[in-house]
């Protein structure tokens, strides 16, 4: 079972913790972890994800070489240039192109209000 998370006693939010909303607690945890990673630990092996897909030399030096992996620059370039998360077309067609099946629920709902 996981242990509940609380701010350290010297944190300004430690006294207010019990009265914070879940969202406020999550915001606190996010900033606390980010500050911890940025300030408390300046690891030379820290990766900047935004550079992994922008700079092959950075990708190779900081990820591939330490892991003993090889991916050619051409393969990497093809991968990073391939669009990700392409959405299917979810946009509804213009109302003049709706089928009767699509029109009926809306017409009955809004026509009844008049």
Protein backbone atom coordinates (compact mmCIF):
# COMPACT_ATOMS: atom_id res chain seq x y z
CA UNK A 1 0.00 0.00 0.00
CA UNK A 2 1.37 3.41 -0.86
CA UNK A 3 2.20 5.96 1.76
CA UNK A 4 0.29 9.28 1.73
CA UNK A 5 2.21 12.25 0.42
CA UNK A 6 2.67 15.28 2.65
CA UNK A 7 4.88 18.34 2.28
CA UNK A 8 7.96 18.40 4.48
CA UNK A 9 7.44 20.23 7.80
CA UNK A 10 9.39 23.28 6.59
CA UNK A 11 7.23 23.68 3.47
CA UNK A 12 4.81 26.66 3.52
CA UNK A 13 1.95 24.31 2.59
CA UNK A 14 2.49 21.76 5.34
CA UNK A 15 0.10 23.53 7.74
CA UNK A 16 -2.53 24.06 5.02
CA UNK A 17 -2.32 20.56 3.54
CA UNK A 18 -5.46 19.13 5.13
CA UNK A 19 -7.54 22.00 3.75
CA UNK A 20 -6.27 21.91 0.17
CA UNK A 21 -8.36 20.47 -2.65
CA UNK A 22 -7.12 17.47 -4.57
CA UNK A 23 -6.23 19.76 -7.47
CA UNK A 24 -4.20 22.03 -5.18
CA UNK A 25 -2.36 19.03 -3.75
CA UNK A 26 -1.56 17.76 -7.23
CA UNK A 27 -0.28 21.20 -8.21
CA UNK A 28 1.91 21.26 -5.13
CA UNK A 29 3.26 17.79 -5.88
CA UNK A 30 3.99 18.72 -9.50
CA UNK A 31 5.96 21.83 -8.55
CA UNK A 32 7.75 20.02 -5.70
CA UNK A 33 8.95 17.17 -7.92
CA UNK A 34 9.97 19.50 -10.72
CA UNK A 35 11.90 21.73 -8.33
CA UNK A 36 13.52 18.64 -6.83
CA UNK A 37 14.64 17.41 -10.24
CA UNK A 38 15.88 20.82 -11.41
CA UNK A 39 17.66 22.08 -8.32
CA UNK A 40 18.46 19.32 -5.87
CA UNK A 41 19.91 16.91 -8.40
CA UNK A 42 21.93 18.21 -11.29
CA UNK A 43 22.73 14.89 -12.90
CA UNK A 44 25.03 14.99 -15.91
CA UNK A 45 22.94 12.20 -17.47
CA UNK A 46 19.67 14.10 -17.35
CA UNK A 47 17.81 13.94 -20.69
CA UNK A 48 15.97 16.78 -22.32
CA UNK A 49 13.17 15.07 -24.20
CA UNK A 50 12.61 18.00 -26.53
CA UNK A 51 16.21 17.61 -27.79
CA UNK A 52 15.88 13.88 -28.40
CA UNK A 53 13.66 14.54 -31.40
CA UNK A 54 15.43 17.69 -32.62
CA UNK A 55 19.13 16.85 -32.51
CA UNK A 56 20.49 13.49 -33.65
CA UNK A 57 23.92 14.12 -32.09
CA UNK A 58 22.27 14.80 -28.73
CA UNK A 59 20.09 11.68 -29.16
CA UNK A 60 23.11 9.56 -29.98
CA UNK A 61 25.44 10.96 -27.31
CA UNK A 62 22.96 11.01 -24.43
CA UNK A 63 20.74 8.01 -25.15
CA UNK A 64 22.08 5.58 -27.73
CA UNK A 65 25.75 5.46 -26.73
CA UNK A 66 25.15 4.99 -22.97
CA UNK A 67 22.69 2.18 -23.75
CA UNK A 68 24.97 0.57 -26.34
CA UNK A 69 22.35 0.96 -29.08
CA UNK A 70 22.64 2.00 -32.70
CA UNK A 71 20.04 3.79 -34.77
CA UNK A 72 21.26 5.45 -37.92
CA UNK A 73 20.75 9.16 -38.45
CA UNK A 74 18.58 8.39 -41.49
CA UNK A 75 16.25 6.07 -39.55
CA UNK A 76 16.06 8.62 -36.70
CA UNK A 77 15.32 11.43 -39.16
CA UNK A 78 12.54 9.43 -40.84
CA UNK A 79 11.00 8.68 -37.46
CA UNK A 80 11.07 12.23 -36.11
CA UNK A 81 9.66 13.59 -39.36
CA UNK A 82 6.71 11.19 -39.28
CA UNK A 83 3.65 12.97 -37.84
CA UNK A 84 2.41 11.49 -34.59
CA UNK A 85 -1.05 11.47 -33.05
CA UNK A 86 -2.79 12.20 -36.27
CA UNK A 87 -6.45 12.50 -35.48
CA UNK A 88 -9.07 10.87 -37.60
CA UNK A 89 -11.60 13.28 -38.97
CA UNK A 90 -14.12 13.76 -36.20
CA UNK A 91 -15.65 16.93 -37.47
CA UNK A 92 -19.34 16.68 -38.15
CA UNK A 93 -20.44 17.35 -41.70
CA UNK A 94 -22.42 20.47 -42.49
CA UNK A 95 -26.06 20.15 -41.35
CA UNK A 96 -27.24 20.04 -44.99
CA UNK A 97 -25.38 16.74 -45.33
CA UNK A 98 -26.84 15.10 -42.22
CA UNK A 99 -28.85 11.93 -42.59
CA UNK A 100 -32.41 11.75 -41.24
CA UNK A 101 -31.11 9.50 -38.45
CA UNK A 102 -28.73 12.27 -37.32
CA UNK A 103 -31.32 15.05 -37.70
CA UNK A 104 -34.21 13.40 -35.83
CA UNK A 105 -32.90 13.58 -32.21
CA UNK A 106 -31.86 17.21 -32.58
CA UNK A 107 -35.03 18.29 -34.34
CA UNK A 108 -37.26 16.59 -31.80
CA UNK A 109 -35.29 18.06 -28.89
CA UNK A 110 -35.17 21.65 -30.11
CA UNK A 111 -38.42 21.77 -32.07
CA UNK A 112 -40.31 20.77 -28.90
CA UNK A 113 -39.07 23.94 -27.14
CA UNK A 114 -41.00 26.30 -29.41
